[in-house]
Each structure stands twice: as structure tokens, then as C-alpha cells.
PDB file of N, CA and C in Angstrom:
ATOM      1  N   MET A   1      -5.835  42.224   5.366  1.00  0.00           N
ATOM      2  CA  MET A   1      -5.650  43.635   5.078  1.00  0.00           C
ATOM      3  C   MET A   1      -4.683  44.247   6.090  1.00  0.00           C
ATOM      4  N   THR A   2      -3.886  45.146   5.634  1.00  0.00           N
ATOM      5  CA  THR A   2      -3.018  45.871   6.551  1.00  0.00           C
ATOM      6  C   THR A   2      -3.792  47.055   7.086  1.00  0.00           C
ATOM      7  N   PRO A   3      -3.384  47.626   8.218  1.00  0.00           N
ATOM      8  CA  PRO A   3      -4.112  48.737   8.795  1.00  0.00           C
ATOM      9  C   PRO A   3      -4.213  49.952   7.878  1.00  0.00           C
ATOM     10  N   THR A   4      -3.331  50.103   6.909  1.00  0.00           N
ATOM     11  CA  THR A   4      -3.349  51.298   6.073  1.00  0.00           C
ATOM     12  C   THR A   4      -4.053  51.093   4.741  1.00  0.00           C
ATOM     13  N   THR A   5      -4.443  49.870   4.432  1.00  0.00           N
ATOM     14  CA  THR A   5      -5.130  49.632   3.173  1.00  0.00           C
ATOM     15  C   THR A   5      -6.459  48.958   3.437  1.00  0.00           C
ATOM     16  N   SER A   6      -7.385  49.163   2.517  1.00  0.00           N
ATOM     17  CA  SER A   6      -8.685  48.542   2.655  1.00  0.00           C
ATOM     18  C   SER A   6      -9.252  48.260   1.284  1.00  0.00           C
ATOM     19  N   ALA A   7      -9.802  47.073   1.120  1.00  0.00           N
ATOM     20  CA  ALA A   7     -10.470  46.711  -0.125  1.00  0.00           C
ATOM     21  C   ALA A   7     -11.931  47.112  -0.064  1.00  0.00           C
ATOM     22  N   LEU A   8     -12.360  47.661   1.055  1.00  0.00           N
ATOM     23  CA  LEU A   8     -13.776  47.918   1.255  1.00  0.00           C
ATOM     24  C   LEU A   8     -14.213  49.222   0.602  1.00  0.00           C
ATOM     25  N   SER A   9     -14.973  49.080  -0.452  1.00  0.00           N
ATOM     26  CA  SER A   9     -15.612  50.216  -1.111  1.00  0.00           C
ATOM     27  C   SER A   9     -17.100  50.121  -0.791  1.00  0.00           C
ATOM     28  N   PRO A  10     -17.866  51.167  -1.060  1.00  0.00           N
ATOM     29  CA  PRO A  10     -19.313  51.067  -0.836  1.00  0.00           C
ATOM     30  C   PRO A  10     -19.936  49.878  -1.566  1.00  0.00           C
ATOM     31  N   MET A  11     -19.544  49.663  -2.822  1.00  0.00           N
ATOM     32  CA  MET A  11     -20.115  48.547  -3.585  1.00  0.00           C
ATOM     33  C   MET A  11     -19.686  47.194  -3.024  1.00  0.00           C
ATOM     34  N   SER A  12     -18.419  47.064  -2.618  1.00  0.00           N
ATOM     35  CA  SER A  12     -17.977  45.773  -2.086  1.00  0.00           C
ATOM     36  C   SER A  12     -18.599  45.500  -0.719  1.00  0.00           C
ATOM     37  N   CYS A  13     -18.832  46.540   0.059  1.00  0.00           N
ATOM     38  CA  CYS A  13     -19.491  46.376   1.352  1.00  0.00           C
ATOM     39  C   CYS A  13     -20.909  45.847   1.150  1.00  0.00           C
ATOM     40  N   ARG A  14     -21.639  46.478   0.261  1.00  0.00           N
ATOM     41  CA  ARG A  14     -23.018  46.049  -0.011  1.00  0.00           C
ATOM     42  C   ARG A  14     -23.040  44.631  -0.579  1.00  0.00           C
ATOM     43  N   ALA A  15     -22.154  44.336  -1.523  1.00  0.00           N
ATOM     44  CA  ALA A  15     -22.115  42.998  -2.122  1.00  0.00           C
ATOM     45  C   ALA A  15     -21.799  41.937  -1.069  1.00  0.00           C
ATOM     46  N   ALA A  16     -20.832  42.222  -0.209  1.00  0.00           N
ATOM     47  CA  ALA A  16     -20.461  41.271   0.840  1.00  0.00           C
ATOM     48  C   ALA A  16     -21.618  41.066   1.812  1.00  0.00           C
ATOM     49  N   ARG A  17     -22.263  42.155   2.186  1.00  0.00           N
ATOM     50  CA  ARG A  17     -23.402  42.058   3.109  1.00  0.00           C
ATOM     51  C   ARG A  17     -24.510  41.210   2.499  1.00  0.00           C
ATOM     52  N   MET A  18     -24.754  41.411   1.209  1.00  0.00           N
ATOM     53  CA  MET A  18     -25.812  40.654   0.546  1.00  0.00           C
ATOM     54  C   MET A  18     -25.428  39.184   0.378  1.00  0.00           C
ATOM     55  N   LEU A  19     -24.146  38.891   0.141  1.00  0.00           N
ATOM     56  CA  LEU A  19     -23.694  37.493   0.091  1.00  0.00           C
ATOM     57  C   LEU A  19     -24.003  36.771   1.396  1.00  0.00           C
ATOM     58  N   LEU A  20     -23.895  37.499   2.487  1.00  0.00           N
ATOM     59  CA  LEU A  20     -24.145  36.928   3.808  1.00  0.00           C
ATOM     60  C   LEU A  20     -25.613  36.992   4.212  1.00  0.00           C
ATOM     61  N   ASN A  21     -26.428  37.609   3.361  1.00  0.00           N
ATOM     62  CA  ASN A  21     -27.855  37.762   3.640  1.00  0.00           C
ATOM     63  C   ASN A  21     -28.089  38.516   4.954  1.00  0.00           C
ATOM     64  N   LEU A  22     -27.296  39.575   5.163  1.00  0.00           N
ATOM     65  CA  LEU A  22     -27.437  40.414   6.350  1.00  0.00           C
ATOM     66  C   LEU A  22     -28.145  41.711   5.985  1.00  0.00           C
ATOM     67  N   THR A  23     -28.946  42.212   6.897  1.00  0.00           N
ATOM     68  CA  THR A  23     -29.539  43.533   6.720  1.00  0.00           C
ATOM     69  C   THR A  23     -28.519  44.585   7.144  1.00  0.00           C
ATOM     70  N   GLN A  24     -28.779  45.826   6.785  1.00  0.00           N
ATOM     71  CA  GLN A  24     -27.890  46.898   7.234  1.00  0.00           C
ATOM     72  C   GLN A  24     -27.852  46.981   8.759  1.00  0.00           C
ATOM     73  N   PRO A  25     -29.000  46.919   9.452  1.00  0.00           N
ATOM     74  CA  PRO A  25     -28.923  46.950  10.917  1.00  0.00           C
ATOM     75  C   PRO A  25     -28.126  45.784  11.509  1.00  0.00           C
ATOM     76  N   GLU A  26     -28.227  44.599  10.907  1.00  0.00           N
ATOM     77  CA  GLU A  26     -27.469  43.449  11.419  1.00  0.00           C
ATOM     78  C   GLU A  26     -25.967  43.656  11.266  1.00  0.00           C
ATOM     79  N   LEU A  27     -25.539  44.108  10.091  1.00  0.00           N
ATOM     80  CA  LEU A  27     -24.107  44.340   9.888  1.00  0.00           C
ATOM     81  C   LEU A  27     -23.612  45.483  10.763  1.00  0.00           C
ATOM     82  N   ALA A  28     -24.376  46.550  10.848  1.00  0.00           N
ATOM     83  CA  ALA A  28     -23.968  47.686  11.677  1.00  0.00           C
ATOM     84  C   ALA A  28     -23.753  47.248  13.124  1.00  0.00           C
ATOM     85  N   GLU A  29     -24.664  46.430  13.641  1.00  0.00           N
ATOM     86  CA  GLU A  29     -24.531  45.948  15.019  1.00  0.00           C
ATOM     87  C   GLU A  29     -23.281  45.087  15.179  1.00  0.00           C
ATOM     88  N   ARG A  30     -23.040  44.187  14.241  1.00  0.00           N
ATOM     89  CA  ARG A  30     -21.869  43.305  14.324  1.00  0.00           C
ATOM     90  C   ARG A  30     -20.561  44.082  14.214  1.00  0.00           C
ATOM     91  N   ALA A  31     -20.604  45.190  13.485  1.00  0.00           N
ATOM     92  CA  ALA A  31     -19.397  45.998  13.297  1.00  0.00           C
ATOM     93  C   ALA A  31     -19.230  47.059  14.378  1.00  0.00           C
ATOM     94  N   GLY A  32     -20.289  47.333  15.121  1.00  0.00           N
ATOM     95  CA  GLY A  32     -20.208  48.368  16.145  1.00  0.00           C
ATOM     96  C   GLY A  32     -20.238  49.774  15.587  1.00  0.00           C
ATOM     97  N   VAL A  33     -20.919  49.940  14.449  1.00  0.00           N
ATOM     98  CA  VAL A  33     -21.091  51.271  13.856  1.00  0.00           C
ATOM     99  C   VAL A  33     -22.584  51.561  13.773  1.00  0.00           C
ATOM    100  N   SER A  34     -22.927  52.812  13.572  1.00  0.00           N
ATOM    101  CA  SER A  34     -24.345  53.153  13.484  1.00  0.00           C
ATOM    102  C   SER A  34     -24.918  52.723  12.135  1.00  0.00           C
ATOM    103  N   VAL A  35     -26.214  52.461  12.142  1.00  0.00           N
ATOM    104  CA  VAL A  35     -26.897  52.092  10.902  1.00  0.00           C
ATOM    105  C   VAL A  35     -26.798  53.238   9.903  1.00  0.00           C
ATOM    106  N   SER A  36     -26.918  54.472  10.378  1.00  0.00           N
ATOM    107  CA  SER A  36     -26.847  55.617   9.457  1.00  0.00           C
ATOM    108  C   SER A  36     -25.466  55.720   8.806  1.00  0.00           C
ATOM    109  N   THR A  37     -24.414  55.400   9.542  1.00  0.00           N
ATOM    110  CA  THR A  37     -23.062  55.400   8.962  1.00  0.00           C
ATOM    111  C   THR A  37     -22.975  54.380   7.842  1.00  0.00           C
ATOM    112  N   LEU A  38     -23.472  53.170   8.097  1.00  0.00           N
ATOM    113  CA  LEU A  38     -23.440  52.117   7.078  1.00  0.00           C
ATOM    114  C   LEU A  38     -24.301  52.493   5.876  1.00  0.00           C
ATOM    115  N   ARG A  39     -25.489  53.019   6.117  1.00  0.00           N
ATOM    116  CA  ARG A  39     -26.374  53.402   5.004  1.00  0.00           C
ATOM    117  C   ARG A  39     -25.727  54.463   4.119  1.00  0.00           C
ATOM    118  N   ARG A  40     -25.153  55.482   4.738  1.00  0.00           N
ATOM    119  CA  ARG A  40     -24.507  56.543   3.953  1.00  0.00           C
ATOM    120  C   ARG A  40     -23.300  56.003   3.189  1.00  0.00           C
ATOM    121  N   PHE A  41     -22.528  55.128   3.816  1.00  0.00           N
ATOM    122  CA  PHE A  41     -21.364  54.547   3.149  1.00  0.00           C
ATOM    123  C   PHE A  41     -21.787  53.737   1.936  1.00  0.00           C
ATOM    124  N   GLU A  42     -22.738  52.829   2.108  1.00  0.00           N
ATOM    125  CA  GLU A  42     -23.181  51.994   0.988  1.00  0.00           C
ATOM    126  C   GLU A  42     -23.826  52.815  -0.124  1.00  0.00           C
ATOM    127  N   ALA A  43     -24.489  53.902   0.243  1.00  0.00           N
ATOM    128  CA  ALA A  43     -25.134  54.753  -0.762  1.00  0.00           C
ATOM    129  C   ALA A  43     -24.140  55.679  -1.451  1.00  0.00           C
ATOM    130  N   GLY A  44     -22.935  55.778  -0.902  1.00  0.00           N
ATOM    131  CA  GLY A  44     -21.931  56.660  -1.478  1.00  0.00           C
ATOM    132  C   GLY A  44     -22.128  58.119  -1.121  1.00  0.00           C
ATOM    133  N   THR A  45     -22.959  58.372  -0.113  1.00  0.00           N
ATOM    134  CA  THR A  45     -23.226  59.756   0.285  1.00  0.00           C
ATOM    135  C   THR A  45     -22.455  60.174   1.528  1.00  0.00           C
ATOM    136  N   GLY A  46     -21.703  59.256   2.093  1.00  0.00           N
ATOM    137  CA  GLY A  46     -20.905  59.571   3.270  1.00  0.00           C
ATOM    138  C   GLY A  46     -19.630  58.761   3.264  1.00  0.00           C
ATOM    139  N   LYS A  47     -18.590  59.318   3.844  1.00  0.00           N
ATOM    140  CA  LYS A  47     -17.295  58.634   3.932  1.00  0.00           C
ATOM    141  C   LYS A  47     -16.957  58.487   5.406  1.00  0.00           C
ATOM    142  N   PRO A  48     -17.195  57.291   5.962  1.00  0.00           N
ATOM    143  CA  PRO A  48     -16.852  57.110   7.374  1.00  0.00           C
ATOM    144  C   PRO A  48     -15.343  57.154   7.580  1.00  0.00           C
ATOM    145  N   GLY A  49     -14.953  57.337   8.802  1.00  0.00           N
ATOM    146  CA  GLY A  49     -13.534  57.352   9.127  1.00  0.00           C
ATOM    147  C   GLY A  49     -12.900  55.982   8.952  1.00  0.00           C
ATOM    148  N   THR A  50     -11.586  55.972   9.008  1.00  0.00           N
ATOM    149  CA  THR A  50     -10.816  54.744   8.845  1.00  0.00           C
ATOM    150  C   THR A  50     -11.234  53.680   9.853  1.00  0.00           C
ATOM    151  N   TRP A  51     -11.483  54.093  11.085  1.00  0.00           N
ATOM    152  CA  TRP A  51     -11.878  53.144  12.127  1.00  0.00           C
ATOM    153  C   TRP A  51     -13.172  52.440  11.747  1.00  0.00           C
ATOM    154  N   ALA A  52     -14.188  53.185  11.317  1.00  0.00           N
ATOM    155  CA  ALA A  52     -15.487  52.595  10.978  1.00  0.00           C
ATOM    156  C   ALA A  52     -15.369  51.653   9.785  1.00  0.00           C
ATOM    157  N   ILE A  53     -14.599  52.048   8.792  1.00  0.00           N
ATOM    158  CA  ILE A  53     -14.410  51.179   7.628  1.00  0.00           C
ATOM    159  C   ILE A  53     -13.728  49.883   8.055  1.00  0.00           C
ATOM    160  N   ARG A  54     -12.736  49.993   8.903  1.00  0.00           N
ATOM    161  CA  ARG A  54     -12.033  48.791   9.379  1.00  0.00           C
ATOM    162  C   ARG A  54     -12.968  47.905  10.194  1.00  0.00           C
ATOM    163  N   GLN A  55     -13.826  48.504  11.010  1.00  0.00           N
ATOM    164  CA  GLN A  55     -14.786  47.727  11.795  1.00  0.00           C
ATOM    165  C   GLN A  55     -15.734  46.954  10.880  1.00  0.00           C
ATOM    166  N   LEU A  56     -16.203  47.601   9.820  1.00  0.00           N
ATOM    167  CA  LEU A  56     -17.088  46.931   8.857  1.00  0.00           C
ATOM    168  C   LEU A  56     -16.360  45.781   8.171  1.00  0.00           C
ATOM    169  N   GLU A  57     -15.155  46.057   7.736  1.00  0.00           N
ATOM    170  CA  GLU A  57     -14.356  45.045   7.048  1.00  0.00           C
ATOM    171  C   GLU A  57     -14.099  43.834   7.958  1.00  0.00           C
ATOM    172  N   GLU A  58     -13.728  44.083   9.195  1.00  0.00           N
ATOM    173  CA  GLU A  58     -13.464  42.988  10.131  1.00  0.00           C
ATOM    174  C   GLU A  58     -14.726  42.186  10.426  1.00  0.00           C
ATOM    175  N   ALA A  59     -15.859  42.862  10.558  1.00  0.00           N
ATOM    176  CA  ALA A  59     -17.122  42.152  10.806  1.00  0.00           C
ATOM    177  C   ALA A  59     -17.461  41.241   9.632  1.00  0.00           C
ATOM    178  N   LEU A  60     -17.277  41.727   8.425  1.00  0.00           N
ATOM    179  CA  LEU A  60     -17.547  40.910   7.238  1.00  0.00           C
ATOM    180  C   LEU A  60     -16.582  39.731   7.159  1.00  0.00           C
ATOM    181  N   GLU A  61     -15.325  39.961   7.481  1.00  0.00           N
ATOM    182  CA  GLU A  61     -14.336  38.876   7.464  1.00  0.00           C
ATOM    183  C   GLU A  61     -14.658  37.817   8.515  1.00  0.00           C
ATOM    184  N   ARG A  62     -15.123  38.242   9.686  1.00  0.00           N
ATOM    185  CA  ARG A  62     -15.510  37.276  10.734  1.00  0.00           C
ATOM    186  C   ARG A  62     -16.655  36.381  10.265  1.00  0.00           C
ATOM    187  N   GLU A  63     -17.489  36.918   9.395  1.00  0.00           N
ATOM    188  CA  GLU A  63     -18.632  36.154   8.876  1.00  0.00           C
ATOM    189  C   GLU A  63     -18.257  35.279   7.688  1.00  0.00           C
ATOM    190  N   GLY A  64     -16.995  35.342   7.250  1.00  0.00           N
ATOM    191  CA  GLY A  64     -16.542  34.460   6.185  1.00  0.00           C
ATOM    192  C   GLY A  64     -16.258  35.118   4.856  1.00  0.00           C
ATOM    193  N   ILE A  65     -16.263  36.444   4.812  1.00  0.00           N
ATOM    194  CA  ILE A  65     -15.962  37.148   3.565  1.00  0.00           C
ATOM    195  C   ILE A  65     -14.448  37.263   3.414  1.00  0.00           C
ATOM    196  N   LEU A  66     -13.982  37.066   2.199  1.00  0.00           N
ATOM    197  CA  LEU A  66     -12.567  37.198   1.875  1.00  0.00           C
ATOM    198  C   LEU A  66     -12.414  38.333   0.872  1.00  0.00           C
ATOM    199  N   PHE A  67     -11.625  39.330   1.221  1.00  0.00           N
ATOM    200  CA  PHE A  67     -11.317  40.429   0.313  1.00  0.00           C
ATOM    201  C   PHE A  67      -9.956  40.132  -0.296  1.00  0.00           C
ATOM    202  N   VAL A  68      -9.891  40.099  -1.635  1.00  0.00           N
ATOM    203  CA  VAL A  68      -8.655  39.685  -2.291  1.00  0.00           C
ATOM    204  C   VAL A  68      -7.874  40.839  -2.894  1.00  0.00           C
ATOM    205  N   GLY A  69      -8.324  42.055  -2.737  1.00  0.00           N
ATOM    206  CA  GLY A  69      -7.590  43.209  -3.239  1.00  0.00           C
ATOM    207  C   GLY A  69      -8.524  44.342  -3.595  1.00  0.00           C
ATOM    208  N   ALA A  70      -7.961  45.520  -3.700  1.00  0.00           N
ATOM    209  CA  ALA A  70      -8.757  46.702  -4.022  1.00  0.00           C
ATOM    210  C   ALA A  70      -9.476  46.504  -5.348  1.00  0.00           C
ATOM    211  N   GLY A  71     -10.758  46.777  -5.355  1.00  0.00           N
ATOM    212  CA  GLY A  71     -11.560  46.677  -6.561  1.00  0.00           C
ATOM    213  C   GLY A  71     -12.061  45.283  -6.877  1.00  0.00           C
ATOM    214  N   ALA A  72     -11.618  44.292  -6.105  1.00  0.00           N
ATOM    215  CA  ALA A  72     -12.045  42.916  -6.361  1.00  0.00           C
ATOM    216  C   ALA A  72     -13.400  42.654  -5.715  1.00  0.00           C
ATOM    217  N   GLU A  73     -14.128  41.747  -6.300  1.00  0.00           N
ATOM    218  CA  GLU A  73     -15.408  41.339  -5.732  1.00  0.00           C
ATOM    219  C   GLU A  73     -15.153  40.566  -4.439  1.00  0.00           C
ATOM    220  N   PRO A  74     -15.964  40.793  -3.400  1.00  0.00           N
ATOM    221  CA  PRO A  74     -15.811  40.005  -2.179  1.00  0.00           C
ATOM    222  C   PRO A  74     -16.256  38.569  -2.426  1.00  0.00           C
ATOM    223  N   ARG A  75     -15.641  37.638  -1.712  1.00  0.00           N
ATOM    224  CA  ARG A  75     -15.973  36.216  -1.856  1.00  0.00           C
ATOM    225  C   ARG A  75     -16.116  35.590  -0.484  1.00  0.00           C
ATOM    226  N   LEU A  76     -16.904  34.539  -0.421  1.00  0.00           N
ATOM    227  CA  LEU A  76     -16.978  33.754   0.805  1.00  0.00           C
ATOM    228  C   LEU A  76     -15.758  32.857   0.881  1.00  0.00           C
ATOM    229  N   LYS A  77     -15.235  32.668   2.083  1.00  0.00           N
ATOM    230  CA  LYS A  77     -14.069  31.794   2.279  1.00  0.00           C
ATOM    231  C   LYS A  77     -14.457  30.360   2.022  1.00  0.00           C
TER     232      LYS A  77
END
């Protein structure tokens, strides 16, 4: 992903987290964001800043998730 684009939507974040069998607190810790930020993002009730979204995306990628484009389903590498 380039710094200005992100494939991470609330649904893709949740799907990727579930593929990895991670809880919200586990992913939040790995990404360095608060659990409440992640919960609101996945629920669609909050829009975190660009930094937080990028942190989540990078944490998921470190765990083996591959994002192939906006709107695409996340996949394991």
C-alpha cells in the first residue's frame, strides 16, 4: 500500500483479524491503537485517523495478511 491509499475498510479489518484468529484487544495491541478505536472502526461507528488505519493495516500485514486492492477480501500470504 502507498501512504495515501488504503484497502482497509471496517469489514476488511474485521475479516482479516478473524482470519488470523485475533481478538480486538490483541490486534489493537499489535497495532499500537486503543481497543475502543478498533471497536468503533470495525463497527462502522468511528473513523480513525490515517495514522491509526495505517497502523492497523501494517499490523495485519506483519501477521501475513495480503491486501490486494480497495474493496477486495483480505487474504493470507
